[in-house]
């Protein structure tokens, strides 16, 4: 069973398939590397695809101390998997928690990124930050006190998950089964160390404006917590495209795998052929004619 060892000694389980330019897939909080299967089956025909389980998600290690988990550490874990595989630069593809890790990878390690795909990024960005921390504390406590299935009974049926259930009941049931098999301690520590403490994307605006790595931002149009932050990111990042998937919630790579893969492939092709360009500054105007 292959593992990469991080610079703080945590073993991360990974899988890879295919040959070609490297893509590393970074999973969301509610899933693991299996959630990327529709993408790995597609892109491994032409790319070297790597996916790994984050710390706290077996068969990766589950550090017992919450201090081993942070937003920066999540980005560093992506770096350490690439270093283990002796990959200097890769396309970084992440969704939700993995989308945040991808964004922070672009902020901290842009020299290692061929491109960034930031999907479903925005939870905790708006509203009352103290309320967000209270919610994450409550959920973390429930993981430890009640276990995965008890939390899964409400977490997997949140307002941005029902779209997946309505579209693909069989796929949704598989997703719930994966959720229920994970580590309560790993989820609780991830919730406390990564999600509770990560900065809002609005606080990252200055850094995002300076990212020159080609970036694709993707969200579902019914993923309410991500819509406004994603529009802000598009307006802030001159090297970013924005794609909004219709009638879709949070798990867009599973809800709409064909459309997700098509959009991602068009983006990667543009990056690799020189077709990706920064936004024309003439397009930044509130006026229809540009006269004001």
C-alpha atoms as a PDB file:
ATOM      1  CA  UNK A   1       0.000   0.000   0.000  1.00  0.00           C
ATOM      2  CA  UNK A   2       1.812   3.169  -1.177  1.00  0.00           C
ATOM      3  CA  UNK A   3       2.268   6.047   1.245  1.00  0.00           C
ATOM      4  CA  UNK A   4       4.052   9.388   1.039  1.00  0.00           C
ATOM      5  CA  UNK A   5       5.623  10.663   4.253  1.00  0.00           C
ATOM      6  CA  UNK A   6       5.164  14.373   4.952  1.00  0.00           C
ATOM      7  CA  UNK A   7       7.848  16.587   6.427  1.00  0.00           C
ATOM      8  CA  UNK A   8       6.152  16.264   9.833  1.00  0.00           C
ATOM      9  CA  UNK A   9       6.144  12.464   9.647  1.00  0.00           C
ATOM     10  CA  UNK A  10       2.521  11.727   8.665  1.00  0.00           C
ATOM     11  CA  UNK A  11       1.944   8.920   6.143  1.00  0.00           C
ATOM     12  CA  UNK A  12      -0.516   9.749   3.354  1.00  0.00           C
ATOM     13  CA  UNK A  13      -2.027   6.953   1.273  1.00  0.00           C
ATOM     14  CA  UNK A  14      -2.053   7.644  -2.448  1.00  0.00           C
ATOM     15  CA  UNK A  15      -2.970   5.995  -5.740  1.00  0.00           C
ATOM     16  CA  UNK A  16      -1.937   6.819  -9.291  1.00  0.00           C
ATOM     17  CA  UNK A  17      -2.933   5.812 -12.813  1.00  0.00           C
ATOM     18  CA  UNK A  18      -1.980   6.764 -16.345  1.00  0.00           C
ATOM     19  CA  UNK A  19       0.910   8.561 -18.019  1.00  0.00           C
ATOM     20  CA  UNK A  20       1.395  12.114 -19.213  1.00  0.00           C
ATOM     21  CA  UNK A  21       1.292  15.535 -17.577  1.00  0.00           C
ATOM     22  CA  UNK A  22       0.631  15.073 -13.846  1.00  0.00           C
ATOM     23  CA  UNK A  23      -2.675  15.946 -12.175  1.00  0.00           C
ATOM     24  CA  UNK A  24      -3.114  15.627  -8.420  1.00  0.00           C
ATOM     25  CA  UNK A  25      -6.699  15.399  -7.147  1.00  0.00           C
ATOM     26  CA  UNK A  26      -7.474  16.760  -3.660  1.00  0.00           C
ATOM     27  CA  UNK A  27     -10.700  15.448  -2.125  1.00  0.00           C
ATOM     28  CA  UNK A  28     -13.381  17.134  -0.067  1.00  0.00           C
ATOM     29  CA  UNK A  29     -14.136  16.808   3.644  1.00  0.00           C
ATOM     30  CA  UNK A  30     -17.133  14.520   3.148  1.00  0.00           C
ATOM     31  CA  UNK A  31     -15.370  12.068   0.835  1.00  0.00           C
ATOM     32  CA  UNK A  32     -12.019  10.464   0.052  1.00  0.00           C
ATOM     33  CA  UNK A  33     -10.029   9.577  -3.065  1.00  0.00           C
ATOM     34  CA  UNK A  34     -12.766   7.227  -4.300  1.00  0.00           C
ATOM     35  CA  UNK A  35     -14.873  10.329  -4.941  1.00  0.00           C
ATOM     36  CA  UNK A  36     -12.472  11.210  -7.757  1.00  0.00           C
ATOM     37  CA  UNK A  37     -13.004   7.918  -9.612  1.00  0.00           C
ATOM     38  CA  UNK A  38     -15.090   9.464 -12.453  1.00  0.00           C
ATOM     39  CA  UNK A  39     -12.244  11.898 -13.097  1.00  0.00           C
ATOM     40  CA  UNK A  40      -9.376   9.425 -12.757  1.00  0.00           C
ATOM     41  CA  UNK A  41     -11.022   6.991 -15.180  1.00  0.00           C
ATOM     42  CA  UNK A  42     -11.382   9.815 -17.695  1.00  0.00           C
ATOM     43  CA  UNK A  43      -8.120  11.719 -17.336  1.00  0.00           C
ATOM     44  CA  UNK A  44      -5.772   8.763 -16.783  1.00  0.00           C
ATOM     45  CA  UNK A  45      -6.095   8.049 -20.508  1.00  0.00           C
ATOM     46  CA  UNK A  46      -3.879  11.065 -21.205  1.00  0.00           C
ATOM     47  CA  UNK A  47      -2.505  12.218 -17.846  1.00  0.00           C
ATOM     48  CA  UNK A  48      -0.634  10.836 -14.876  1.00  0.00           C
ATOM     49  CA  UNK A  49      -3.371  11.015 -12.241  1.00  0.00           C
ATOM     50  CA  UNK A  50      -2.553  11.023  -8.538  1.00  0.00           C
ATOM     51  CA  UNK A  51      -5.040  11.095  -5.675  1.00  0.00           C
ATOM     52  CA  UNK A  52      -4.383  10.818  -1.958  1.00  0.00           C
ATOM     53  CA  UNK A  53      -6.322  10.609   1.273  1.00  0.00           C
ATOM     54  CA  UNK A  54      -5.799  13.627   3.490  1.00  0.00           C
ATOM     55  CA  UNK A  55      -4.392  13.210   6.973  1.00  0.00           C
ATOM     56  CA  UNK A  56      -7.161  12.016   9.249  1.00  0.00           C
ATOM     57  CA  UNK A  57      -8.688   9.896   6.463  1.00  0.00           C
ATOM     58  CA  UNK A  58      -7.587   6.214   6.674  1.00  0.00           C
ATOM     59  CA  UNK A  59      -5.658   4.476   5.281  1.00  0.00           C
ATOM     60  CA  UNK A  60      -3.672   7.712   5.712  1.00  0.00           C
ATOM     61  CA  UNK A  61      -2.494   8.364   9.263  1.00  0.00           C
ATOM     62  CA  UNK A  62      -4.883   9.913  11.773  1.00  0.00           C
ATOM     63  CA  UNK A  63      -2.803  12.178  14.049  1.00  0.00           C
ATOM     64  CA  UNK A  64      -4.402  12.394  17.479  1.00  0.00           C
ATOM     65  CA  UNK A  65      -3.325  15.982  18.178  1.00  0.00           C
ATOM     66  CA  UNK A  66      -5.433  18.664  16.507  1.00  0.00           C
ATOM     67  CA  UNK A  67      -2.305  20.803  16.144  1.00  0.00           C
ATOM     68  CA  UNK A  68      -1.270  18.472  13.297  1.00  0.00           C
ATOM     69  CA  UNK A  69      -4.146  19.817  11.196  1.00  0.00           C
ATOM     70  CA  UNK A  70      -4.337  23.241   9.562  1.00  0.00           C
ATOM     71  CA  UNK A  71      -5.207  24.908   6.277  1.00  0.00           C
ATOM     72  CA  UNK A  72      -1.546  25.550   5.482  1.00  0.00           C
ATOM     73  CA  UNK A  73      -0.688  21.967   6.419  1.00  0.00           C
ATOM     74  CA  UNK A  74      -3.307  20.737   3.939  1.00  0.00           C
ATOM     75  CA  UNK A  75      -1.543  22.656   1.158  1.00  0.00           C
ATOM     76  CA  UNK A  76       1.835  21.403   2.371  1.00  0.00           C
ATOM     77  CA  UNK A  77       0.542  17.820   2.204  1.00  0.00           C
ATOM     78  CA  UNK A  78      -0.204  18.291  -1.505  1.00  0.00           C
ATOM     79  CA  UNK A  79       3.360  19.561  -1.910  1.00  0.00           C
ATOM     80  CA  UNK A  80       4.805  16.636   0.034  1.00  0.00           C
ATOM     81  CA  UNK A  81       2.987  14.027  -2.058  1.00  0.00           C
ATOM     82  CA  UNK A  82       4.370  15.665  -5.208  1.00  0.00           C
ATOM     83  CA  UNK A  83       7.869  15.785  -3.708  1.00  0.00           C
ATOM     84  CA  UNK A  84       7.620  12.091  -2.758  1.00  0.00           C
ATOM     85  CA  UNK A  85       6.764  11.273  -6.371  1.00  0.00           C
ATOM     86  CA  UNK A  86       9.562  13.557  -7.632  1.00  0.00           C
ATOM     87  CA  UNK A  87       7.094  15.736  -9.526  1.00  0.00           C
ATOM     88  CA  UNK A  88       8.262  19.330  -9.884  1.00  0.00           C
ATOM     89  CA  UNK A  89       5.001  20.782 -11.261  1.00  0.00           C
ATOM     90  CA  UNK A  90       1.461  19.480 -11.629  1.00  0.00           C
ATOM     91  CA  UNK A  91      -2.085  20.494 -12.347  1.00  0.00           C
ATOM     92  CA  UNK A  92      -3.771  20.803  -8.927  1.00  0.00           C
ATOM     93  CA  UNK A  93      -7.477  19.870  -8.868  1.00  0.00           C
ATOM     94  CA  UNK A  94      -9.467  20.220  -5.656  1.00  0.00           C
ATOM     95  CA  UNK A  95     -13.058  20.401  -4.513  1.00  0.00           C
ATOM     96  CA  UNK A  96     -14.537  21.870  -1.319  1.00  0.00           C
ATOM     97  CA  UNK A  97     -11.921  21.324   1.407  1.00  0.00           C
ATOM     98  CA  UNK A  98      -9.651  20.196  -1.420  1.00  0.00           C
ATOM     99  CA  UNK A  99     -10.541  23.375  -3.285  1.00  0.00           C
ATOM    100  CA  UNK A 100      -9.362  25.435  -0.332  1.00  0.00           C
ATOM    101  CA  UNK A 101      -6.159  23.378  -0.211  1.00  0.00           C
ATOM    102  CA  UNK A 102      -5.685  24.006  -3.935  1.00  0.00           C
ATOM    103  CA  UNK A 103      -6.193  27.755  -3.515  1.00  0.00           C
ATOM    104  CA  UNK A 104      -3.692  27.854  -0.646  1.00  0.00           C
ATOM    105  CA  UNK A 105      -1.291  25.773  -2.721  1.00  0.00           C
ATOM    106  CA  UNK A 106      -1.467  28.488  -5.365  1.00  0.00           C
ATOM    107  CA  UNK A 107      -0.834  31.149  -2.743  1.00  0.00           C
ATOM    108  CA  UNK A 108       2.107  29.351  -1.148  1.00  0.00           C
ATOM    109  CA  UNK A 109       3.660  27.127  -3.834  1.00  0.00           C
ATOM    110  CA  UNK A 110       2.806  28.687  -7.217  1.00  0.00           C
ATOM    111  CA  UNK A 111       6.107  27.508  -8.674  1.00  0.00           C
ATOM    112  CA  UNK A 112       4.861  23.897  -8.374  1.00  0.00           C
ATOM    113  CA  UNK A 113       1.502  24.466 -10.087  1.00  0.00           C
ATOM    114  CA  UNK A 114       0.877  24.093 -13.806  1.00  0.00           C
ATOM    115  CA  UNK A 115      -2.699  25.172 -13.104  1.00  0.00           C
ATOM    116  CA  UNK A 116      -5.298  25.267 -10.333  1.00  0.00           C
ATOM    117  CA  UNK A 117      -8.878  23.996 -10.380  1.00  0.00           C
ATOM    118  CA  UNK A 118     -10.660  25.389  -7.331  1.00  0.00           C
ATOM    119  CA  UNK A 119     -14.069  23.745  -6.945  1.00  0.00           C
ATOM    120  CA  UNK A 120     -16.778  24.391  -4.343  1.00  0.00           C
ATOM    121  CA  UNK A 121     -14.630  26.844  -2.388  1.00  0.00           C
ATOM    122  CA  UNK A 122     -16.346  29.276  -0.042  1.00  0.00           C
ATOM    123  CA  UNK A 123     -17.794  27.628   3.049  1.00  0.00           C
ATOM    124  CA  UNK A 124     -17.320  29.836   6.099  1.00  0.00           C
ATOM    125  CA  UNK A 125     -16.475  32.815   3.889  1.00  0.00           C
ATOM    126  CA  UNK A 126     -19.550  34.884   4.569  1.00  0.00           C
ATOM    127  CA  UNK A 127     -21.666  35.686   7.575  1.00  0.00           C
ATOM    128  CA  UNK A 128     -20.628  35.660  11.210  1.00  0.00           C
ATOM    129  CA  UNK A 129     -17.204  34.043  11.698  1.00  0.00           C
ATOM    130  CA  UNK A 130     -17.953  33.328  15.368  1.00  0.00           C
ATOM    131  CA  UNK A 131     -21.118  31.514  14.318  1.00  0.00           C
ATOM    132  CA  UNK A 132     -19.080  29.488  11.788  1.00  0.00           C
ATOM    133  CA  UNK A 133     -16.660  28.448  14.528  1.00  0.00           C
ATOM    134  CA  UNK A 134     -19.524  27.484  16.824  1.00  0.00           C
ATOM    135  CA  UNK A 135     -21.006  25.294  14.085  1.00  0.00           C
ATOM    136  CA  UNK A 136     -17.725  23.556  13.349  1.00  0.00           C
ATOM    137  CA  UNK A 137     -17.144  22.949  17.077  1.00  0.00           C
ATOM    138  CA  UNK A 138     -20.610  21.440  17.402  1.00  0.00           C
ATOM    139  CA  UNK A 139     -20.110  19.088  14.458  1.00  0.00           C
ATOM    140  CA  UNK A 140     -16.636  18.073  15.651  1.00  0.00           C
ATOM    141  CA  UNK A 141     -18.076  17.222  19.063  1.00  0.00           C
ATOM    142  CA  UNK A 142     -20.806  15.143  17.436  1.00  0.00           C
ATOM    143  CA  UNK A 143     -18.248  13.146  15.435  1.00  0.00           C
ATOM    144  CA  UNK A 144     -16.491  12.137  18.656  1.00  0.00           C
ATOM    145  CA  UNK A 145     -19.602  11.624  20.770  1.00  0.00           C
ATOM    146  CA  UNK A 146     -21.974  10.004  18.271  1.00  0.00           C
ATOM    147  CA  UNK A 147     -19.857   8.537  15.470  1.00  0.00           C
ATOM    148  CA  UNK A 148     -19.875   8.730  11.690  1.00  0.00           C
ATOM    149  CA  UNK A 149     -23.324   7.330  10.904  1.00  0.00           C
ATOM    150  CA  UNK A 150     -25.088   9.651  13.346  1.00  0.00           C
ATOM    151  CA  UNK A 151     -23.399  12.688  11.832  1.00  0.00           C
ATOM    152  CA  UNK A 152     -23.846  11.346   8.325  1.00  0.00           C
ATOM    153  CA  UNK A 153     -27.598  11.166   8.852  1.00  0.00           C
ATOM    154  CA  UNK A 154     -27.766  14.967   8.677  1.00  0.00           C
ATOM    155  CA  UNK A 155     -24.418  16.037   7.177  1.00  0.00           C
ATOM    156  CA  UNK A 156     -24.824  14.120   3.917  1.00  0.00           C
ATOM    157  CA  UNK A 157     -28.349  15.492   3.463  1.00  0.00           C
ATOM    158  CA  UNK A 158     -27.534  19.180   3.818  1.00  0.00           C
ATOM    159  CA  UNK A 159     -29.058  21.781   1.466  1.00  0.00           C
ATOM    160  CA  UNK A 160     -26.150  21.484  -0.997  1.00  0.00           C
ATOM    161  CA  UNK A 161     -26.167  17.649  -1.021  1.00  0.00           C
ATOM    162  CA  UNK A 162     -29.803  16.904  -1.885  1.00  0.00           C
ATOM    163  CA  UNK A 163     -29.095  17.734  -5.537  1.00  0.00           C
ATOM    164  CA  UNK A 164     -26.786  14.720  -5.742  1.00  0.00           C
ATOM    165  CA  UNK A 165     -29.355  12.488  -4.067  1.00  0.00           C
ATOM    166  CA  UNK A 166     -32.059  13.634  -6.485  1.00  0.00           C
ATOM    167  CA  UNK A 167     -29.897  13.072  -9.582  1.00  0.00           C
ATOM    168  CA  UNK A 168     -28.133   9.831  -8.774  1.00  0.00           C
ATOM    169  CA  UNK A 169     -29.504   7.856  -5.843  1.00  0.00           C
ATOM    170  CA  UNK A 170     -27.125   4.943  -6.379  1.00  0.00           C
ATOM    171  CA  UNK A 171     -24.074   7.217  -6.509  1.00  0.00           C
ATOM    172  CA  UNK A 172     -25.332   9.163  -3.510  1.00  0.00           C
ATOM    173  CA  UNK A 173     -25.774   5.969  -1.468  1.00  0.00           C
ATOM    174  CA  UNK A 174     -22.186   4.982  -2.302  1.00  0.00           C
ATOM    175  CA  UNK A 175     -21.028   8.413  -1.153  1.00  0.00           C
ATOM    176  CA  UNK A 176     -22.892   8.052   2.162  1.00  0.00           C
ATOM    177  CA  UNK A 177     -21.391   4.590   2.680  1.00  0.00           C
ATOM    178  CA  UNK A 178     -17.886   6.021   2.194  1.00  0.00           C
ATOM    179  CA  UNK A 179     -18.631   8.819   4.638  1.00  0.00           C
ATOM    180  CA  UNK A 180     -19.853   6.406   7.308  1.00  0.00           C
ATOM    181  CA  UNK A 181     -16.697   4.259   7.144  1.00  0.00           C
ATOM    182  CA  UNK A 182     -14.271   7.066   7.909  1.00  0.00           C
ATOM    183  CA  UNK A 183     -12.573   7.972  11.202  1.00  0.00           C
ATOM    184  CA  UNK A 184     -14.588  10.059  13.704  1.00  0.00           C
ATOM    185  CA  UNK A 185     -11.367  11.327  15.282  1.00  0.00           C
ATOM    186  CA  UNK A 186      -9.905  12.238  11.905  1.00  0.00           C
ATOM    187  CA  UNK A 187     -13.051  14.128  10.918  1.00  0.00           C
ATOM    188  CA  UNK A 188     -13.283  15.899  14.276  1.00  0.00           C
ATOM    189  CA  UNK A 189      -9.651  17.025  14.181  1.00  0.00           C
ATOM    190  CA  UNK A 190      -9.954  18.106  10.551  1.00  0.00           C
ATOM    191  CA  UNK A 191     -13.061  20.104  11.406  1.00  0.00           C
ATOM    192  CA  UNK A 192     -11.322  21.818  14.321  1.00  0.00           C
ATOM    193  CA  UNK A 193      -7.880  22.331  12.823  1.00  0.00           C
ATOM    194  CA  UNK A 194      -8.623  23.017   9.165  1.00  0.00           C
ATOM    195  CA  UNK A 195     -12.196  24.171   8.691  1.00  0.00           C
ATOM    196  CA  UNK A 196     -12.706  26.093  11.920  1.00  0.00           C
ATOM    197  CA  UNK A 197      -9.474  28.077  11.681  1.00  0.00           C
ATOM    198  CA  UNK A 198      -9.027  28.674   7.962  1.00  0.00           C
ATOM    199  CA  UNK A 199      -9.308  32.259   6.780  1.00  0.00           C
ATOM    200  CA  UNK A 200     -12.258  33.466   4.769  1.00  0.00           C
ATOM    201  CA  UNK A 201     -11.571  33.729   1.043  1.00  0.00           C
ATOM    202  CA  UNK A 202     -12.434  37.420   1.385  1.00  0.00           C
ATOM    203  CA  UNK A 203      -9.398  37.791   3.645  1.00  0.00           C
ATOM    204  CA  UNK A 204      -7.214  36.325   0.876  1.00  0.00           C
ATOM    205  CA  UNK A 205      -8.160  38.846  -1.804  1.00  0.00           C
ATOM    206  CA  UNK A 206      -4.794  40.600  -1.932  1.00  0.00           C
ATOM    207  CA  UNK A 207      -2.925  37.323  -2.331  1.00  0.00           C
ATOM    208  CA  UNK A 208      -5.389  35.957  -4.885  1.00  0.00           C
ATOM    209  CA  UNK A 209      -5.022  39.086  -7.016  1.00  0.00           C
ATOM    210  CA  UNK A 210      -1.327  38.261  -7.379  1.00  0.00           C
ATOM    211  CA  UNK A 211      -1.739  34.604  -8.408  1.00  0.00           C
ATOM    212  CA  UNK A 212      -0.551  34.238 -11.997  1.00  0.00           C
ATOM    213  CA  UNK A 213      -1.154  30.495 -12.239  1.00  0.00           C
ATOM    214  CA  UNK A 214      -4.028  29.688 -14.641  1.00  0.00           C
ATOM    215  CA  UNK A 215      -7.045  28.963 -12.457  1.00  0.00           C
ATOM    216  CA  UNK A 216     -10.467  27.455 -13.086  1.00  0.00           C
ATOM    217  CA  UNK A 217     -13.096  28.217 -10.431  1.00  0.00           C
ATOM    218  CA  UNK A 218     -16.098  25.869 -10.494  1.00  0.00           C
ATOM    219  CA  UNK A 219     -19.275  25.765  -8.455  1.00  0.00           C
ATOM    220  CA  UNK A 220     -22.857  24.587  -8.610  1.00  0.00           C
ATOM    221  CA  UNK A 221     -25.573  27.218  -8.980  1.00  0.00           C
ATOM    222  CA  UNK A 222     -27.387  25.796  -5.934  1.00  0.00           C
ATOM    223  CA  UNK A 223     -24.274  25.722  -3.765  1.00  0.00           C
ATOM    224  CA  UNK A 224     -25.384  28.887  -1.977  1.00  0.00           C
ATOM    225  CA  UNK A 225     -22.398  29.327   0.392  1.00  0.00           C
ATOM    226  CA  UNK A 226     -20.019  29.280  -2.593  1.00  0.00           C
ATOM    227  CA  UNK A 227     -21.776  31.450  -5.169  1.00  0.00           C
ATOM    228  CA  UNK A 228     -20.909  34.948  -3.926  1.00  0.00           C
ATOM    229  CA  UNK A 229     -17.350  34.000  -2.856  1.00  0.00           C
ATOM    230  CA  UNK A 230     -16.720  32.434  -6.278  1.00  0.00           C
ATOM    231  CA  UNK A 231     -17.889  35.551  -8.126  1.00  0.00           C
ATOM    232  CA  UNK A 232     -15.608  37.596  -5.870  1.00  0.00           C
ATOM    233  CA  UNK A 233     -12.709  35.280  -6.687  1.00  0.00           C
ATOM    234  CA  UNK A 234     -13.365  35.653 -10.420  1.00  0.00           C
ATOM    235  CA  UNK A 235     -13.397  39.434 -10.106  1.00  0.00           C
ATOM    236  CA  UNK A 236     -10.245  39.402  -7.985  1.00  0.00           C
ATOM    237  CA  UNK A 237      -8.081  36.921  -9.894  1.00  0.00           C
ATOM    238  CA  UNK A 238      -7.042  38.158 -13.349  1.00  0.00           C
ATOM    239  CA  UNK A 239      -5.831  34.663 -14.319  1.00  0.00           C
ATOM    240  CA  UNK A 240      -9.087  32.877 -13.491  1.00  0.00           C
ATOM    241  CA  UNK A 241     -12.040  31.438 -15.370  1.00  0.00           C
ATOM    242  CA  UNK A 242     -15.391  30.831 -13.650  1.00  0.00           C
ATOM    243  CA  UNK A 243     -17.762  27.969 -14.499  1.00  0.00           C
ATOM    244  CA  UNK A 244     -21.173  27.591 -12.833  1.00  0.00           C
ATOM    245  CA  UNK A 245     -22.903  24.239 -13.290  1.00  0.00           C
ATOM    246  CA  UNK A 246     -26.711  24.421 -13.569  1.00  0.00           C
ATOM    247  CA  UNK A 247     -29.077  22.744 -11.102  1.00  0.00           C
ATOM    248  CA  UNK A 248     -26.073  21.556  -9.081  1.00  0.00           C
ATOM    249  CA  UNK A 249     -25.037  21.570  -5.464  1.00  0.00           C
ATOM    250  CA  UNK A 250     -21.683  20.947  -3.801  1.00  0.00           C
ATOM    251  CA  UNK A 251     -20.428  17.595  -5.113  1.00  0.00           C
ATOM    252  CA  UNK A 252     -20.252  18.786  -8.727  1.00  0.00           C
ATOM    253  CA  UNK A 253     -17.645  16.232  -9.846  1.00  0.00           C
ATOM    254  CA  UNK A 254     -20.034  13.428  -8.815  1.00  0.00           C
ATOM    255  CA  UNK A 255     -23.326  15.112  -9.655  1.00  0.00           C
ATOM    256  CA  UNK A 256     -22.308  16.077 -13.193  1.00  0.00           C
ATOM    257  CA  UNK A 257     -19.158  14.082 -14.019  1.00  0.00           C
ATOM    258  CA  UNK A 258     -19.438  14.453 -17.791  1.00  0.00           C
ATOM    259  CA  UNK A 259     -19.876  18.233 -17.687  1.00  0.00           C
ATOM    260  CA  UNK A 260     -17.247  18.603 -14.979  1.00  0.00           C
ATOM    261  CA  UNK A 261     -14.749  16.569 -16.998  1.00  0.00           C
ATOM    262  CA  UNK A 262     -15.523  18.471 -20.185  1.00  0.00           C
ATOM    263  CA  UNK A 263     -14.960  21.859 -18.545  1.00  0.00           C
ATOM    264  CA  UNK A 264     -11.800  20.678 -16.835  1.00  0.00           C
ATOM    265  CA  UNK A 265     -10.422  19.188 -20.062  1.00  0.00           C
ATOM    266  CA  UNK A 266     -11.089  22.397 -22.020  1.00  0.00           C
ATOM    267  CA  UNK A 267      -9.295  24.365 -19.329  1.00  0.00           C
ATOM    268  CA  UNK A 268      -6.300  22.004 -19.251  1.00  0.00           C
ATOM    269  CA  UNK A 269      -6.082  22.031 -23.041  1.00  0.00           C
ATOM    270  CA  UNK A 270      -6.072  25.836 -23.056  1.00  0.00           C
ATOM    271  CA  UNK A 271      -3.313  25.889 -20.437  1.00  0.00           C
ATOM    272  CA  UNK A 272      -1.174  23.325 -22.234  1.00  0.00           C
ATOM    273  CA  UNK A 273      -1.534  24.836 -25.722  1.00  0.00           C
ATOM    274  CA  UNK A 274      -1.005  28.468 -24.742  1.00  0.00           C
ATOM    275  CA  UNK A 275      -4.672  29.311 -25.227  1.00  0.00           C
ATOM    276  CA  UNK A 276      -5.197  30.416 -21.638  1.00  0.00           C
ATOM    277  CA  UNK A 277      -4.832  34.173 -21.295  1.00  0.00           C
ATOM    278  CA  UNK A 278      -5.352  36.556 -18.375  1.00  0.00           C
ATOM    279  CA  UNK A 279      -8.495  38.631 -18.375  1.00  0.00           C
ATOM    280  CA  UNK A 280      -8.452  41.558 -20.771  1.00  0.00           C
ATOM    281  CA  UNK A 281      -8.502  44.635 -18.490  1.00  0.00           C
ATOM    282  CA  UNK A 282     -10.879  46.327 -20.923  1.00  0.00           C
ATOM    283  CA  UNK A 283     -13.579  43.872 -19.799  1.00  0.00           C
ATOM    284  CA  UNK A 284     -13.526  45.172 -16.219  1.00  0.00           C
ATOM    285  CA  UNK A 285     -16.302  47.766 -16.308  1.00  0.00           C
ATOM    286  CA  UNK A 286     -19.792  48.285 -14.895  1.00  0.00           C
ATOM    287  CA  UNK A 287     -20.771  50.049 -18.097  1.00  0.00           C
ATOM    288  CA  UNK A 288     -22.292  48.258 -21.101  1.00  0.00           C
ATOM    289  CA  UNK A 289     -20.301  50.460 -23.486  1.00  0.00           C
ATOM    290  CA  UNK A 290     -17.157  50.987 -21.405  1.00  0.00           C
ATOM    291  CA  UNK A 291     -17.568  54.740 -21.658  1.00  0.00           C
ATOM    292  CA  UNK A 292     -17.921  55.112 -17.880  1.00  0.00           C
END
